[in-house]
Amino acid sequence: MDMDEMMREISKYPNGTYLKLECEDGQLVLEGIIDTIYETDNRLDEEDIRYREFYACAVKIKKIIQNLKDKDCNINDLIEISVENQPALITLYDGSIVWKK
C-alpha cells in the first residue's frame, strides 16, 4: 500500500510534532501533535469494489483556534486525518507548510 502525498509529508516528522490544521476553508482551525500514523480502511467489506486501504494520522488536539461550524471536537481528543479527511493546510509551529491541498 502506497502513502498519498499528504501522508508522505507528515510521515517525515516524529510523533509529538506540533501541527496546525486548517479545514473547511478556515471554518475549523486546530493545533495539535502527531500521535501516530497507521494503516486503515474505509470500513467497507473487502469484496466491495469501493473498498480502500490507506494511511491515516491521529492528531491529539491541543488548541481549538476556530470552530465556526461547531464540529464535535475537544482538547485532548484524537482526530484522524487521511486521504478521506484532508485539511486544506497543515503547517508546523514556525509556520512552515507541511502540506497544502
N, C-alpha and C. Protein backbone atom coordinates (compact mmCIF):
# COMPACT_ATOMS: atom_id res chain seq x y z
N MET A 1 0.86 -1.17 0.00
CA MET A 1 0.00 0.00 0.00
C MET A 1 0.90 1.23 0.00
N ASP A 2 0.61 2.14 -0.91
CA ASP A 2 1.39 3.37 -1.01
C ASP A 2 0.75 4.47 -0.19
N MET A 3 1.60 5.39 0.29
CA MET A 3 1.10 6.56 1.02
C MET A 3 0.73 7.64 0.02
N ASP A 4 -0.35 8.36 0.31
CA ASP A 4 -0.70 9.51 -0.51
C ASP A 4 0.28 10.64 -0.19
N GLU A 5 0.25 11.69 -1.00
CA GLU A 5 1.20 12.80 -0.86
C GLU A 5 1.17 13.44 0.53
N MET A 6 -0.02 13.68 1.06
CA MET A 6 -0.12 14.31 2.38
C MET A 6 0.53 13.44 3.46
N MET A 7 0.25 12.14 3.43
CA MET A 7 0.81 11.26 4.45
C MET A 7 2.32 11.11 4.30
N ARG A 8 2.83 11.13 3.07
CA ARG A 8 4.29 11.08 2.88
C ARG A 8 4.95 12.28 3.54
N GLU A 9 4.33 13.45 3.43
CA GLU A 9 4.89 14.66 4.03
C GLU A 9 4.81 14.60 5.56
N ILE A 10 3.67 14.21 6.09
CA ILE A 10 3.51 14.12 7.55
C ILE A 10 4.46 13.09 8.14
N SER A 11 4.66 11.98 7.43
CA SER A 11 5.49 10.89 7.96
C SER A 11 6.97 11.28 8.10
N LYS A 12 7.36 12.41 7.58
CA LYS A 12 8.73 12.90 7.74
C LYS A 12 8.99 13.42 9.15
N TYR A 13 7.92 13.60 9.93
CA TYR A 13 8.03 14.18 11.27
C TYR A 13 7.72 13.13 12.33
N PRO A 14 8.42 13.19 13.47
CA PRO A 14 8.18 12.18 14.52
C PRO A 14 6.89 12.44 15.30
N ASN A 15 6.42 11.39 15.97
CA ASN A 15 5.28 11.56 16.89
C ASN A 15 5.63 12.67 17.87
N GLY A 16 4.63 13.47 18.23
CA GLY A 16 4.84 14.59 19.14
C GLY A 16 5.08 15.91 18.43
N THR A 17 5.22 15.88 17.10
CA THR A 17 5.43 17.11 16.34
C THR A 17 4.16 17.95 16.32
N TYR A 18 4.31 19.25 16.56
CA TYR A 18 3.20 20.20 16.53
C TYR A 18 2.73 20.39 15.10
N LEU A 19 1.42 20.38 14.90
CA LEU A 19 0.82 20.68 13.60
C LEU A 19 -0.35 21.65 13.81
N LYS A 20 -0.51 22.55 12.87
CA LYS A 20 -1.70 23.40 12.82
C LYS A 20 -2.48 22.95 11.60
N LEU A 21 -3.75 22.61 11.81
CA LEU A 21 -4.61 22.10 10.74
C LEU A 21 -5.69 23.13 10.43
N GLU A 22 -5.81 23.50 9.16
CA GLU A 22 -6.87 24.40 8.73
C GLU A 22 -7.79 23.61 7.80
N CYS A 23 -9.05 23.50 8.20
CA CYS A 23 -10.01 22.67 7.47
C CYS A 23 -11.20 23.51 7.01
N GLU A 24 -11.87 23.01 5.99
CA GLU A 24 -13.13 23.61 5.53
C GLU A 24 -13.02 25.11 5.30
N ASP A 25 -12.02 25.51 4.52
CA ASP A 25 -11.80 26.92 4.19
C ASP A 25 -11.70 27.81 5.42
N GLY A 26 -11.01 27.35 6.44
CA GLY A 26 -10.80 28.14 7.64
C GLY A 26 -11.92 28.07 8.65
N GLN A 27 -12.96 27.30 8.35
CA GLN A 27 -14.09 27.16 9.28
C GLN A 27 -13.67 26.42 10.55
N LEU A 28 -12.66 25.55 10.43
CA LEU A 28 -12.15 24.80 11.57
C LEU A 28 -10.63 24.88 11.55
N VAL A 29 -10.06 25.43 12.62
CA VAL A 29 -8.60 25.56 12.74
C VAL A 29 -8.20 24.99 14.09
N LEU A 30 -7.32 23.99 14.05
CA LEU A 30 -6.89 23.29 15.26
C LEU A 30 -5.37 23.26 15.36
N GLU A 31 -4.87 23.20 16.58
CA GLU A 31 -3.47 22.93 16.82
C GLU A 31 -3.40 21.61 17.56
N GLY A 32 -2.43 20.80 17.21
CA GLY A 32 -2.29 19.51 17.87
C GLY A 32 -0.93 18.91 17.63
N ILE A 33 -0.76 17.69 18.10
CA ILE A 33 0.51 16.98 17.92
C ILE A 33 0.24 15.63 17.26
N ILE A 34 1.22 15.19 16.47
CA ILE A 34 1.11 13.88 15.83
C ILE A 34 1.14 12.82 16.92
N ASP A 35 0.12 11.97 16.94
CA ASP A 35 0.08 10.86 17.89
C ASP A 35 0.66 9.60 17.24
N THR A 36 0.15 9.24 16.08
CA THR A 36 0.66 8.06 15.38
C THR A 36 0.17 8.06 13.94
N ILE A 37 0.87 7.34 13.09
CA ILE A 37 0.46 7.10 11.71
C ILE A 37 0.20 5.61 11.60
N TYR A 38 -0.88 5.25 10.94
CA TYR A 38 -1.29 3.84 10.90
C TYR A 38 -2.02 3.52 9.60
N GLU A 39 -2.14 2.23 9.32
CA GLU A 39 -2.91 1.75 8.18
C GLU A 39 -4.36 1.58 8.61
N THR A 40 -5.27 1.92 7.71
CA THR A 40 -6.69 1.76 7.99
C THR A 40 -7.43 1.49 6.67
N ASP A 41 -8.74 1.44 6.73
CA ASP A 41 -9.53 1.26 5.51
C ASP A 41 -10.83 2.06 5.64
N ASN A 42 -11.63 2.00 4.60
CA ASN A 42 -12.87 2.78 4.59
C ASN A 42 -14.07 2.01 5.15
N ARG A 43 -13.80 0.95 5.86
CA ARG A 43 -14.80 0.17 6.60
C ARG A 43 -15.84 -0.54 5.72
N LEU A 44 -15.53 -0.68 4.46
CA LEU A 44 -16.40 -1.47 3.60
C LEU A 44 -15.89 -2.91 3.58
N ASP A 45 -16.73 -3.82 3.16
CA ASP A 45 -16.34 -5.22 3.04
C ASP A 45 -15.24 -5.33 1.98
N GLU A 46 -14.26 -6.17 2.23
CA GLU A 46 -13.14 -6.31 1.30
C GLU A 46 -13.55 -6.72 -0.10
N GLU A 47 -14.68 -7.38 -0.24
CA GLU A 47 -15.16 -7.78 -1.56
C GLU A 47 -15.85 -6.63 -2.30
N ASP A 48 -16.19 -5.57 -1.60
CA ASP A 48 -16.85 -4.41 -2.22
C ASP A 48 -15.83 -3.72 -3.14
N ILE A 49 -16.24 -3.39 -4.37
CA ILE A 49 -15.31 -2.75 -5.32
C ILE A 49 -14.87 -1.35 -4.85
N ARG A 50 -15.59 -0.76 -3.92
CA ARG A 50 -15.23 0.56 -3.38
C ARG A 50 -14.29 0.48 -2.17
N TYR A 51 -13.96 -0.74 -1.76
CA TYR A 51 -13.07 -0.94 -0.60
C TYR A 51 -11.71 -0.31 -0.89
N ARG A 52 -11.17 0.41 0.12
CA ARG A 52 -9.85 1.06 0.01
C ARG A 52 -9.09 0.91 1.30
N GLU A 53 -7.80 0.71 1.19
CA GLU A 53 -6.88 0.79 2.32
C GLU A 53 -6.03 2.03 2.12
N PHE A 54 -5.67 2.69 3.22
CA PHE A 54 -4.86 3.89 3.13
C PHE A 54 -4.21 4.15 4.49
N TYR A 55 -3.30 5.10 4.52
CA TYR A 55 -2.67 5.51 5.77
C TYR A 55 -3.42 6.70 6.35
N ALA A 56 -3.41 6.78 7.67
CA ALA A 56 -4.05 7.90 8.37
C ALA A 56 -3.13 8.36 9.49
N CYS A 57 -3.37 9.56 9.98
CA CYS A 57 -2.60 10.12 11.08
C CYS A 57 -3.57 10.56 12.18
N ALA A 58 -3.32 10.09 13.39
CA ALA A 58 -4.09 10.55 14.54
C ALA A 58 -3.37 11.77 15.11
N VAL A 59 -4.12 12.85 15.28
CA VAL A 59 -3.58 14.09 15.84
C VAL A 59 -4.32 14.38 17.13
N LYS A 60 -3.57 14.61 18.21
CA LYS A 60 -4.16 14.94 19.50
C LYS A 60 -4.36 16.45 19.57
N ILE A 61 -5.61 16.88 19.71
CA ILE A 61 -5.95 18.30 19.72
C ILE A 61 -5.42 18.96 21.00
N LYS A 62 -4.68 20.05 20.82
CA LYS A 62 -4.16 20.81 21.95
C LYS A 62 -4.81 22.19 22.08
N LYS A 63 -5.33 22.71 20.95
CA LYS A 63 -5.97 24.04 20.98
C LYS A 63 -6.95 24.13 19.82
N ILE A 64 -8.13 24.67 20.10
CA ILE A 64 -9.12 24.93 19.06
C ILE A 64 -9.11 26.43 18.81
N ILE A 65 -8.60 26.82 17.65
CA ILE A 65 -8.48 28.24 17.33
C ILE A 65 -9.79 28.78 16.79
N GLN A 66 -10.43 27.99 15.93
CA GLN A 66 -11.69 28.41 15.33
C GLN A 66 -12.54 27.19 15.04
N ASN A 67 -13.83 27.28 15.36
CA ASN A 67 -14.76 26.19 15.09
C ASN A 67 -16.11 26.81 14.72
N LEU A 68 -16.17 27.40 13.54
CA LEU A 68 -17.36 28.13 13.11
C LEU A 68 -18.55 27.23 12.79
N LYS A 69 -18.30 25.96 12.48
CA LYS A 69 -19.40 25.04 12.18
C LYS A 69 -19.75 24.17 13.37
N ASP A 70 -19.20 24.51 14.53
CA ASP A 70 -19.48 23.81 15.78
C ASP A 70 -19.27 22.29 15.66
N LYS A 71 -18.13 21.91 15.07
CA LYS A 71 -17.78 20.49 14.95
C LYS A 71 -17.54 19.91 16.34
N ASP A 72 -17.83 18.65 16.50
CA ASP A 72 -17.64 17.97 17.77
C ASP A 72 -16.15 17.64 17.95
N CYS A 73 -15.42 18.51 18.64
CA CYS A 73 -14.01 18.27 18.93
C CYS A 73 -13.67 18.99 20.24
N ASN A 74 -12.80 18.36 20.99
CA ASN A 74 -12.42 18.89 22.30
C ASN A 74 -10.92 18.75 22.50
N ILE A 75 -10.38 19.55 23.41
CA ILE A 75 -8.97 19.45 23.77
C ILE A 75 -8.68 18.02 24.22
N ASN A 76 -7.56 17.48 23.77
CA ASN A 76 -7.07 16.11 24.04
C ASN A 76 -7.81 15.02 23.29
N ASP A 77 -8.81 15.36 22.47
CA ASP A 77 -9.42 14.37 21.57
C ASP A 77 -8.41 14.00 20.49
N LEU A 78 -8.54 12.80 19.96
CA LEU A 78 -7.77 12.40 18.79
C LEU A 78 -8.66 12.56 17.57
N ILE A 79 -8.12 13.18 16.53
CA ILE A 79 -8.84 13.27 15.26
C ILE A 79 -8.00 12.56 14.21
N GLU A 80 -8.67 12.05 13.19
CA GLU A 80 -7.97 11.35 12.12
C GLU A 80 -7.93 12.21 10.88
N ILE A 81 -6.73 12.36 10.31
CA ILE A 81 -6.61 12.98 9.00
C ILE A 81 -6.08 11.93 8.04
N SER A 82 -6.61 11.94 6.84
CA SER A 82 -6.23 10.93 5.85
C SER A 82 -6.65 11.43 4.47
N VAL A 83 -6.44 10.59 3.48
CA VAL A 83 -6.86 10.92 2.12
C VAL A 83 -8.38 11.12 2.07
N GLU A 84 -9.10 10.55 3.02
CA GLU A 84 -10.55 10.72 3.06
C GLU A 84 -11.00 11.88 3.94
N ASN A 85 -10.06 12.50 4.64
CA ASN A 85 -10.38 13.60 5.55
C ASN A 85 -9.18 14.55 5.58
N GLN A 86 -8.95 15.25 4.47
CA GLN A 86 -7.76 16.09 4.34
C GLN A 86 -8.03 17.53 4.76
N PRO A 87 -7.17 18.07 5.62
CA PRO A 87 -7.23 19.51 5.88
C PRO A 87 -6.80 20.27 4.62
N ALA A 88 -7.19 21.52 4.52
CA ALA A 88 -6.77 22.34 3.38
C ALA A 88 -5.30 22.74 3.51
N LEU A 89 -4.83 22.88 4.77
CA LEU A 89 -3.47 23.33 5.02
C LEU A 89 -2.96 22.74 6.32
N ILE A 90 -1.71 22.28 6.30
CA ILE A 90 -1.05 21.79 7.50
C ILE A 90 0.28 22.52 7.61
N THR A 91 0.51 23.15 8.78
CA THR A 91 1.77 23.87 8.99
C THR A 91 2.42 23.42 10.30
N LEU A 92 3.70 23.73 10.41
CA LEU A 92 4.44 23.49 11.65
C LEU A 92 4.32 24.71 12.56
N TYR A 93 4.88 24.62 13.76
CA TYR A 93 4.83 25.71 14.74
C TYR A 93 5.39 27.01 14.18
N ASP A 94 6.47 26.90 13.37
CA ASP A 94 7.10 28.10 12.82
C ASP A 94 6.40 28.64 11.58
N GLY A 95 5.30 28.01 11.18
CA GLY A 95 4.55 28.46 10.01
C GLY A 95 4.95 27.78 8.71
N SER A 96 5.98 26.94 8.75
CA SER A 96 6.41 26.22 7.55
C SER A 96 5.28 25.31 7.09
N ILE A 97 5.04 25.29 5.79
CA ILE A 97 3.97 24.47 5.23
C ILE A 97 4.43 23.02 5.10
N VAL A 98 3.68 22.11 5.72
CA VAL A 98 3.91 20.68 5.59
C VAL A 98 3.19 20.18 4.36
N TRP A 99 1.94 20.61 4.19
CA TRP A 99 1.11 20.16 3.06
C TRP A 99 0.01 21.16 2.80
N LYS A 100 -0.31 21.36 1.54
CA LYS A 100 -1.40 22.24 1.14
C LYS A 100 -2.20 21.54 0.06
N LYS A 101 -3.52 21.53 0.23
CA LYS A 101 -4.44 20.85 -0.71
C LYS A 101 -4.48 21.57 -2.03
